């Protein structure tokens, strides 16, 4: 019984030590990164995604039919009937 008590106390001590080291490491990393709130790297760049989306929207508007109805190319019209 005494062996189990020592083993449980050792396990609790090791768990507390590991938990304390993890908390210390996370806090140290948090403090070190809080001095630089911006992301790493350059922030002086052109957003190419926004330009691409604008170009795609402009192309879609140009392809749109005059009455607002769009039909995929090669799709038969609804007014054609087989005799």
PDB file of N, CA and C in Angstrom:
ATOM      1  N   UNK A   1       0.825  -1.191   0.000  1.00  0.00           N
ATOM      2  CA  UNK A   1       0.000   0.000   0.000  1.00  0.00           C
ATOM      3  C   UNK A   1       0.868   1.253   0.000  1.00  0.00           C
ATOM      4  N   UNK A   2       1.990   1.199   0.705  1.00  0.00           N
ATOM      5  CA  UNK A   2       2.873   2.363   0.772  1.00  0.00           C
ATOM      6  C   UNK A   2       3.478   2.648  -0.596  1.00  0.00           C
ATOM      7  N   UNK A   3       3.735   1.589  -1.376  1.00  0.00           N
ATOM      8  CA  UNK A   3       4.313   1.768  -2.705  1.00  0.00           C
ATOM      9  C   UNK A   3       3.334   2.516  -3.613  1.00  0.00           C
ATOM     10  N   UNK A   4       2.040   2.175  -3.524  1.00  0.00           N
ATOM     11  CA  UNK A   4       1.033   2.842  -4.347  1.00  0.00           C
ATOM     12  C   UNK A   4       0.918   4.315  -3.979  1.00  0.00           C
ATOM     13  N   UNK A   5       1.038   4.619  -2.694  1.00  0.00           N
ATOM     14  CA  UNK A   5       0.928   6.008  -2.253  1.00  0.00           C
ATOM     15  C   UNK A   5       2.108   6.819  -2.790  1.00  0.00           C
ATOM     16  N   UNK A   6       3.309   6.255  -2.733  1.00  0.00           N
ATOM     17  CA  UNK A   6       4.490   6.949  -3.248  1.00  0.00           C
ATOM     18  C   UNK A   6       4.376   7.093  -4.760  1.00  0.00           C
ATOM     19  N   UNK A   7       3.897   6.061  -5.436  1.00  0.00           N
ATOM     20  CA  UNK A   7       3.744   6.112  -6.882  1.00  0.00           C
ATOM     21  C   UNK A   7       2.722   7.166  -7.290  1.00  0.00           C
ATOM     22  N   UNK A   8       1.610   7.250  -6.579  1.00  0.00           N
ATOM     23  CA  UNK A   8       0.591   8.250  -6.875  1.00  0.00           C
ATOM     24  C   UNK A   8       1.115   9.653  -6.598  1.00  0.00           C
ATOM     25  N   UNK A   9       1.874   9.819  -5.530  1.00  0.00           N
ATOM     26  CA  UNK A   9       2.438  11.130  -5.217  1.00  0.00           C
ATOM     27  C   UNK A   9       3.473  11.536  -6.278  1.00  0.00           C
ATOM     28  N   UNK A  10       4.257  10.567  -6.742  1.00  0.00           N
ATOM     29  CA  UNK A  10       5.246  10.855  -7.778  1.00  0.00           C
ATOM     30  C   UNK A  10       4.546  11.236  -9.086  1.00  0.00           C
ATOM     31  N   UNK A  11       3.503  10.518  -9.421  1.00  0.00           N
ATOM     32  CA  UNK A  11       2.756  10.829 -10.634  1.00  0.00           C
ATOM     33  C   UNK A  11       2.134  12.220 -10.551  1.00  0.00           C
ATOM     34  N   UNK A  12       1.584  12.557  -9.394  1.00  0.00           N
ATOM     35  CA  UNK A  12       0.990  13.886  -9.204  1.00  0.00           C
ATOM     36  C   UNK A  12       2.060  14.967  -9.299  1.00  0.00           C
ATOM     37  N   UNK A  13       3.229  14.721  -8.722  1.00  0.00           N
ATOM     38  CA  UNK A  13       4.318  15.684  -8.780  1.00  0.00           C
ATOM     39  C   UNK A  13       4.797  15.872 -10.225  1.00  0.00           C
ATOM     40  N   UNK A  14       4.962  14.795 -10.955  1.00  0.00           N
ATOM     41  CA  UNK A  14       5.377  14.900 -12.355  1.00  0.00           C
ATOM     42  C   UNK A  14       4.328  15.603 -13.205  1.00  0.00           C
ATOM     43  N   UNK A  15       3.058  15.295 -12.985  1.00  0.00           N
ATOM     44  CA  UNK A  15       1.981  15.959 -13.726  1.00  0.00           C
ATOM     45  C   UNK A  15       1.983  17.458 -13.446  1.00  0.00           C
ATOM     46  N   UNK A  16       2.142  17.836 -12.200  1.00  0.00           N
ATOM     47  CA  UNK A  16       2.180  19.253 -11.832  1.00  0.00           C
ATOM     48  C   UNK A  16       3.385  19.942 -12.467  1.00  0.00           C
ATOM     49  N   UNK A  17       4.517  19.273 -12.467  1.00  0.00           N
ATOM     50  CA  UNK A  17       5.720  19.840 -13.061  1.00  0.00           C
ATOM     51  C   UNK A  17       5.553  20.040 -14.568  1.00  0.00           C
ATOM     52  N   UNK A  18       5.022  19.036 -15.258  1.00  0.00           N
ATOM     53  CA  UNK A  18       4.821  19.143 -16.712  1.00  0.00           C
ATOM     54  C   UNK A  18       3.783  20.224 -17.023  1.00  0.00           C
ATOM     55  N   UNK A  19       2.695  20.263 -16.279  1.00  0.00           N
ATOM     56  CA  UNK A  19       1.669  21.281 -16.514  1.00  0.00           C
ATOM     57  C   UNK A  19       2.240  22.681 -16.281  1.00  0.00           C
ATOM     58  N   UNK A  20       3.030  22.837 -15.246  1.00  0.00           N
ATOM     59  CA  UNK A  20       3.651  24.137 -14.977  1.00  0.00           C
ATOM     60  C   UNK A  20       4.604  24.561 -16.082  1.00  0.00           C
ATOM     61  N   UNK A  21       5.391  23.627 -16.594  1.00  0.00           N
ATOM     62  CA  UNK A  21       6.307  23.946 -17.687  1.00  0.00           C
ATOM     63  C   UNK A  21       5.565  24.307 -18.971  1.00  0.00           C
ATOM     64  N   UNK A  22       4.486  23.619 -19.243  1.00  0.00           N
ATOM     65  CA  UNK A  22       3.689  23.937 -20.433  1.00  0.00           C
ATOM     66  C   UNK A  22       3.077  25.330 -20.298  1.00  0.00           C
ATOM     67  N   UNK A  23       2.514  25.636 -19.168  1.00  0.00           N
ATOM     68  CA  UNK A  23       1.918  26.963 -18.936  1.00  0.00           C
ATOM     69  C   UNK A  23       2.986  28.044 -19.026  1.00  0.00           C
ATOM     70  N   UNK A  24       4.146  27.797 -18.443  1.00  0.00           N
ATOM     71  CA  UNK A  24       5.242  28.767 -18.509  1.00  0.00           C
ATOM     72  C   UNK A  24       5.676  29.000 -19.954  1.00  0.00           C
ATOM     73  N   UNK A  25       5.815  27.938 -20.718  1.00  0.00           N
ATOM     74  CA  UNK A  25       6.232  28.065 -22.111  1.00  0.00           C
ATOM     75  C   UNK A  25       5.213  28.806 -22.958  1.00  0.00           C
ATOM     76  N   UNK A  26       3.936  28.510 -22.757  1.00  0.00           N
ATOM     77  CA  UNK A  26       2.899  29.212 -23.504  1.00  0.00           C
ATOM     78  C   UNK A  26       2.840  30.686 -23.139  1.00  0.00           C
ATOM     79  N   UNK A  27       2.971  30.997 -21.865  1.00  0.00           N
ATOM     80  CA  UNK A  27       2.944  32.389 -21.437  1.00  0.00           C
ATOM     81  C   UNK A  27       4.163  33.139 -21.976  1.00  0.00           C
ATOM     82  N   UNK A  28       5.300  32.502 -21.965  1.00  0.00           N
ATOM     83  CA  UNK A  28       6.509  33.151 -22.469  1.00  0.00           C
ATOM     84  C   UNK A  28       6.379  33.438 -23.963  1.00  0.00           C
ATOM     85  N   UNK A  29       5.826  32.494 -24.718  1.00  0.00           N
ATOM     86  CA  UNK A  29       5.612  32.696 -26.141  1.00  0.00           C
ATOM     87  C   UNK A  29       4.585  33.804 -26.376  1.00  0.00           C
ATOM     88  N   UNK A  30       3.527  33.846 -25.573  1.00  0.00           N
ATOM     89  CA  UNK A  30       2.493  34.872 -25.710  1.00  0.00           C
ATOM     90  C   UNK A  30       3.068  36.259 -25.461  1.00  0.00           C
ATOM     91  N   UNK A  31       3.878  36.396 -24.434  1.00  0.00           N
ATOM     92  CA  UNK A  31       4.473  37.692 -24.112  1.00  0.00           C
ATOM     93  C   UNK A  31       5.434  38.112 -25.215  1.00  0.00           C
ATOM     94  N   UNK A  32       6.192  37.166 -25.752  1.00  0.00           N
ATOM     95  CA  UNK A  32       7.171  37.489 -26.785  1.00  0.00           C
ATOM     96  C   UNK A  32       6.473  37.940 -28.068  1.00  0.00           C
ATOM     97  N   UNK A  33       5.334  37.382 -28.399  1.00  0.00           N
ATOM     98  CA  UNK A  33       4.655  37.738 -29.637  1.00  0.00           C
ATOM     99  C   UNK A  33       3.771  38.965 -29.495  1.00  0.00           C
ATOM    100  N   UNK A  34       3.410  39.370 -28.317  1.00  0.00           N
ATOM    101  CA  UNK A  34       2.508  40.492 -28.156  1.00  0.00           C
ATOM    102  C   UNK A  34       3.180  41.819 -28.460  1.00  0.00           C
ATOM    103  N   UNK A  35       4.512  41.858 -28.531  1.00  0.00           N
ATOM    104  CA  UNK A  35       5.203  43.100 -28.871  1.00  0.00           C
ATOM    105  C   UNK A  35       5.041  43.436 -30.340  1.00  0.00           C
ATOM    106  N   UNK A  36       4.771  42.445 -31.178  1.00  0.00           N
ATOM    107  CA  UNK A  36       4.617  42.647 -32.609  1.00  0.00           C
ATOM    108  C   UNK A  36       3.209  42.223 -33.020  1.00  0.00           C
ATOM    109  N   UNK A  37       2.222  43.115 -32.947  1.00  0.00           N
ATOM    110  CA  UNK A  37       0.849  42.694 -33.230  1.00  0.00           C
ATOM    111  C   UNK A  37       0.574  42.392 -34.702  1.00  0.00           C
ATOM    112  N   UNK A  38       1.395  42.913 -35.622  1.00  0.00           N
ATOM    113  CA  UNK A  38       1.157  42.662 -37.045  1.00  0.00           C
ATOM    114  C   UNK A  38       1.674  41.281 -37.422  1.00  0.00           C
ATOM    115  N   UNK A  39       1.181  40.788 -38.524  1.00  0.00           N
ATOM    116  CA  UNK A  39       1.649  39.506 -39.014  1.00  0.00           C
ATOM    117  C   UNK A  39       3.067  39.642 -39.537  1.00  0.00           C
ATOM    118  N   UNK A  40       3.765  38.557 -39.564  1.00  0.00           N
ATOM    119  CA  UNK A  40       5.123  38.572 -40.092  1.00  0.00           C
ATOM    120  C   UNK A  40       5.082  38.762 -41.598  1.00  0.00           C
ATOM    121  N   UNK A  41       6.055  39.470 -42.125  1.00  0.00           N
ATOM    122  CA  UNK A  41       6.132  39.691 -43.562  1.00  0.00           C
ATOM    123  C   UNK A  41       5.734  41.100 -43.941  1.00  0.00           C
ATOM    124  N   UNK A  42       5.731  41.353 -45.215  1.00  0.00           N
ATOM    125  CA  UNK A  42       5.431  42.677 -45.726  1.00  0.00           C
ATOM    126  C   UNK A  42       3.926  42.881 -45.832  1.00  0.00           C
ATOM    127  N   UNK A  43       3.474  44.078 -45.532  1.00  0.00           N
ATOM    128  CA  UNK A  43       2.065  44.404 -45.679  1.00  0.00           C
ATOM    129  C   UNK A  43       1.855  45.356 -46.850  1.00  0.00           C
ATOM    130  N   UNK A  44       2.911  45.691 -47.558  1.00  0.00           N
ATOM    131  CA  UNK A  44       2.846  46.597 -48.688  1.00  0.00           C
ATOM    132  C   UNK A  44       2.768  45.772 -49.969  1.00  0.00           C
ATOM    133  N   UNK A  45       1.562  45.314 -50.321  1.00  0.00           N
ATOM    134  CA  UNK A  45       1.394  44.472 -51.491  1.00  0.00           C
ATOM    135  C   UNK A  45       0.028  44.740 -52.112  1.00  0.00           C
ATOM    136  N   UNK A  46      -0.128  44.343 -53.352  1.00  0.00           N
ATOM    137  CA  UNK A  46      -1.395  44.486 -54.059  1.00  0.00           C
ATOM    138  C   UNK A  46      -2.213  43.225 -53.854  1.00  0.00           C
ATOM    139  N   UNK A  47      -3.487  43.398 -53.535  1.00  0.00           N
ATOM    140  CA  UNK A  47      -4.369  42.260 -53.329  1.00  0.00           C
ATOM    141  C   UNK A  47      -4.818  41.745 -54.702  1.00  0.00           C
ATOM    142  N   UNK A  48      -4.159  40.698 -55.181  1.00  0.00           N
ATOM    143  CA  UNK A  48      -4.472  40.176 -56.513  1.00  0.00           C
ATOM    144  C   UNK A  48      -5.809  39.456 -56.537  1.00  0.00           C
ATOM    145  N   UNK A  49      -6.260  38.926 -55.408  1.00  0.00           N
ATOM    146  CA  UNK A  49      -7.552  38.253 -55.382  1.00  0.00           C
ATOM    147  C   UNK A  49      -8.678  39.234 -55.674  1.00  0.00           C
ATOM    148  N   UNK A  50      -8.606  40.421 -55.089  1.00  0.00           N
ATOM    149  CA  UNK A  50      -9.644  41.424 -55.333  1.00  0.00           C
ATOM    150  C   UNK A  50      -9.665  41.825 -56.801  1.00  0.00           C
ATOM    151  N   UNK A  51      -8.492  41.998 -57.406  1.00  0.00           N
ATOM    152  CA  UNK A  51      -8.421  42.335 -58.826  1.00  0.00           C
ATOM    153  C   UNK A  51      -8.999  41.214 -59.688  1.00  0.00           C
ATOM    154  N   UNK A  52      -8.700  39.976 -59.349  1.00  0.00           N
ATOM    155  CA  UNK A  52      -9.207  38.831 -60.112  1.00  0.00           C
ATOM    156  C   UNK A  52     -10.722  38.742 -60.013  1.00  0.00           C
ATOM    157  N   UNK A  53     -11.265  38.943 -58.814  1.00  0.00           N
ATOM    158  CA  UNK A  53     -12.717  38.868 -58.632  1.00  0.00           C
ATOM    159  C   UNK A  53     -13.398  39.984 -59.424  1.00  0.00           C
ATOM    160  N   UNK A  54     -12.830  41.196 -59.399  1.00  0.00           N
ATOM    161  CA  UNK A  54     -13.413  42.298 -60.175  1.00  0.00           C
ATOM    162  C   UNK A  54     -13.423  41.969 -61.668  1.00  0.00           C
ATOM    163  N   UNK A  55     -12.337  41.383 -62.160  1.00  0.00           N
ATOM    164  CA  UNK A  55     -12.263  41.022 -63.577  1.00  0.00           C
ATOM    165  C   UNK A  55     -13.281  39.936 -63.915  1.00  0.00           C
ATOM    166  N   UNK A  56     -13.462  38.954 -63.051  1.00  0.00           N
ATOM    167  CA  UNK A  56     -14.430  37.889 -63.302  1.00  0.00           C
ATOM    168  C   UNK A  56     -15.855  38.419 -63.288  1.00  0.00           C
ATOM    169  N   UNK A  57     -16.156  39.319 -62.372  1.00  0.00           N
ATOM    170  CA  UNK A  57     -17.500  39.900 -62.313  1.00  0.00           C
ATOM    171  C   UNK A  57     -17.756  40.736 -63.559  1.00  0.00           C
ATOM    172  N   UNK A  58     -16.762  41.518 -63.989  1.00  0.00           N
ATOM    173  CA  UNK A  58     -16.929  42.326 -65.199  1.00  0.00           C
ATOM    174  C   UNK A  58     -17.152  41.432 -66.415  1.00  0.00           C
ATOM    175  N   UNK A  59     -16.434  40.314 -66.505  1.00  0.00           N
ATOM    176  CA  UNK A  59     -16.613  39.395 -67.625  1.00  0.00           C
ATOM    177  C   UNK A  59     -17.986  38.738 -67.574  1.00  0.00           C
ATOM    178  N   UNK A  60     -18.468  38.404 -66.395  1.00  0.00           N
ATOM    179  CA  UNK A  60     -19.789  37.793 -66.260  1.00  0.00           C
ATOM    180  C   UNK A  60     -20.880  38.778 -66.656  1.00  0.00           C
ATOM    181  N   UNK A  61     -20.727  40.027 -66.293  1.00  0.00           N
ATOM    182  CA  UNK A  61     -21.708  41.044 -66.672  1.00  0.00           C
ATOM    183  C   UNK A  61     -21.697  41.235 -68.178  1.00  0.00           C
ATOM    184  N   UNK A  62     -20.534  41.202 -68.797  1.00  0.00           N
ATOM    185  CA  UNK A  62     -20.436  41.366 -70.251  1.00  0.00           C
ATOM    186  C   UNK A  62     -21.069  40.185 -70.981  1.00  0.00           C
ATOM    187  N   UNK A  63     -21.000  38.990 -70.424  1.00  0.00           N
ATOM    188  CA  UNK A  63     -21.581  37.804 -71.056  1.00  0.00           C
ATOM    189  C   UNK A  63     -23.084  37.705 -70.851  1.00  0.00           C
ATOM    190  N   UNK A  64     -23.616  38.432 -69.909  1.00  0.00           N
ATOM    191  CA  UNK A  64     -25.039  38.324 -69.567  1.00  0.00           C
ATOM    192  C   UNK A  64     -25.897  38.748 -70.749  1.00  0.00           C
ATOM    193  N   UNK A  65     -26.942  38.039 -70.975  1.00  0.00           N
ATOM    194  CA  UNK A  65     -27.841  38.338 -72.094  1.00  0.00           C
ATOM    195  C   UNK A  65     -28.623  39.610 -71.783  1.00  0.00           C
ATOM    196  N   UNK A  66     -29.130  40.270 -72.797  1.00  0.00           N
ATOM    197  CA  UNK A  66     -29.832  41.548 -72.582  1.00  0.00           C
ATOM    198  C   UNK A  66     -31.057  41.436 -71.688  1.00  0.00           C
ATOM    199  N   UNK A  67     -31.798  40.331 -71.749  1.00  0.00           N
ATOM    200  CA  UNK A  67     -33.012  40.223 -70.931  1.00  0.00           C
ATOM    201  C   UNK A  67     -32.726  39.671 -69.536  1.00  0.00           C
ATOM    202  N   UNK A  68     -31.465  39.452 -69.206  1.00  0.00           N
ATOM    203  CA  UNK A  68     -31.119  38.987 -67.870  1.00  0.00           C
ATOM    204  C   UNK A  68     -31.100  37.477 -67.730  1.00  0.00           C
ATOM    205  N   UNK A  69     -31.540  36.760 -68.774  1.00  0.00           N
ATOM    206  CA  UNK A  69     -31.558  35.301 -68.708  1.00  0.00           C
ATOM    207  C   UNK A  69     -30.268  34.765 -69.310  1.00  0.00           C
ATOM    208  N   UNK A  70     -29.607  33.874 -68.587  1.00  0.00           N
ATOM    209  CA  UNK A  70     -28.377  33.281 -69.105  1.00  0.00           C
ATOM    210  C   UNK A  70     -28.620  31.814 -69.394  1.00  0.00           C
ATOM    211  N   UNK A  71     -28.089  31.359 -70.506  1.00  0.00           N
ATOM    212  CA  UNK A  71     -28.222  29.963 -70.872  1.00  0.00           C
ATOM    213  C   UNK A  71     -26.845  29.460 -71.248  1.00  0.00           C
ATOM    214  N   UNK A  72     -26.440  28.279 -70.781  1.00  0.00           N
ATOM    215  CA  UNK A  72     -25.127  27.748 -71.141  1.00  0.00           C
ATOM    216  C   UNK A  72     -25.019  27.562 -72.650  1.00  0.00           C
ATOM    217  N   UNK A  73     -23.816  27.730 -73.164  1.00  0.00           N
ATOM    218  CA  UNK A  73     -23.583  27.567 -74.592  1.00  0.00           C
ATOM    219  C   UNK A  73     -23.890  26.138 -75.008  1.00  0.00           C
ATOM    220  N   UNK A  74     -24.545  25.989 -76.144  1.00  0.00           N
ATOM    221  CA  UNK A  74     -24.868  24.657 -76.653  1.00  0.00           C
ATOM    222  C   UNK A  74     -26.159  24.090 -76.110  1.00  0.00           C
ATOM    223  N   UNK A  75     -26.822  24.787 -75.240  1.00  0.00           N
ATOM    224  CA  UNK A  75     -28.078  24.297 -74.660  1.00  0.00           C
ATOM    225  C   UNK A  75     -29.221  24.681 -75.604  1.00  0.00           C
ATOM    226  N   UNK A  76     -30.095  23.759 -75.967  1.00  0.00           N
ATOM    227  CA  UNK A  76     -31.176  24.113 -76.894  1.00  0.00           C
ATOM    228  C   UNK A  76     -32.172  25.068 -76.233  1.00  0.00           C
ATOM    229  N   UNK A  77     -32.823  25.847 -77.068  1.00  0.00           N
ATOM    230  CA  UNK A  77     -33.827  26.786 -76.541  1.00  0.00           C
ATOM    231  C   UNK A  77     -35.079  26.045 -76.186  1.00  0.00           C
ATOM    232  N   UNK A  78     -35.928  26.654 -75.380  1.00  0.00           N
ATOM    233  CA  UNK A  78     -37.180  26.019 -74.973  1.00  0.00           C
ATOM    234  C   UNK A  78     -38.242  26.159 -76.029  1.00  0.00           C
ATOM    235  N   UNK A  79     -38.078  27.101 -76.977  1.00  0.00           N
ATOM    236  CA  UNK A  79     -39.118  27.324 -77.981  1.00  0.00           C
ATOM    237  C   UNK A  79     -39.021  26.357 -79.151  1.00  0.00           C
ATOM    238  N   UNK A  80     -37.924  25.641 -79.303  1.00  0.00           N
ATOM    239  CA  UNK A  80     -37.822  24.698 -80.423  1.00  0.00           C
ATOM    240  C   UNK A  80     -38.541  23.419 -80.055  1.00  0.00           C
ATOM    241  N   UNK A  81     -39.416  22.981 -80.966  1.00  0.00           N
ATOM    242  CA  UNK A  81     -40.175  21.749 -80.725  1.00  0.00           C
ATOM    243  C   UNK A  81     -39.912  20.764 -81.853  1.00  0.00           C
ATOM    244  N   UNK A  82     -39.855  19.532 -81.484  1.00  0.00           N
ATOM    245  CA  UNK A  82     -39.697  18.492 -82.504  1.00  0.00           C
ATOM    246  C   UNK A  82     -41.072  18.225 -83.105  1.00  0.00           C
ATOM    247  N   UNK A  83     -41.161  18.096 -84.428  1.00  0.00           N
ATOM    248  CA  UNK A  83     -42.453  17.897 -85.086  1.00  0.00           C
ATOM    249  C   UNK A  83     -42.930  16.488 -85.005  1.00  0.00           C
TER     250      UNK A  83
END
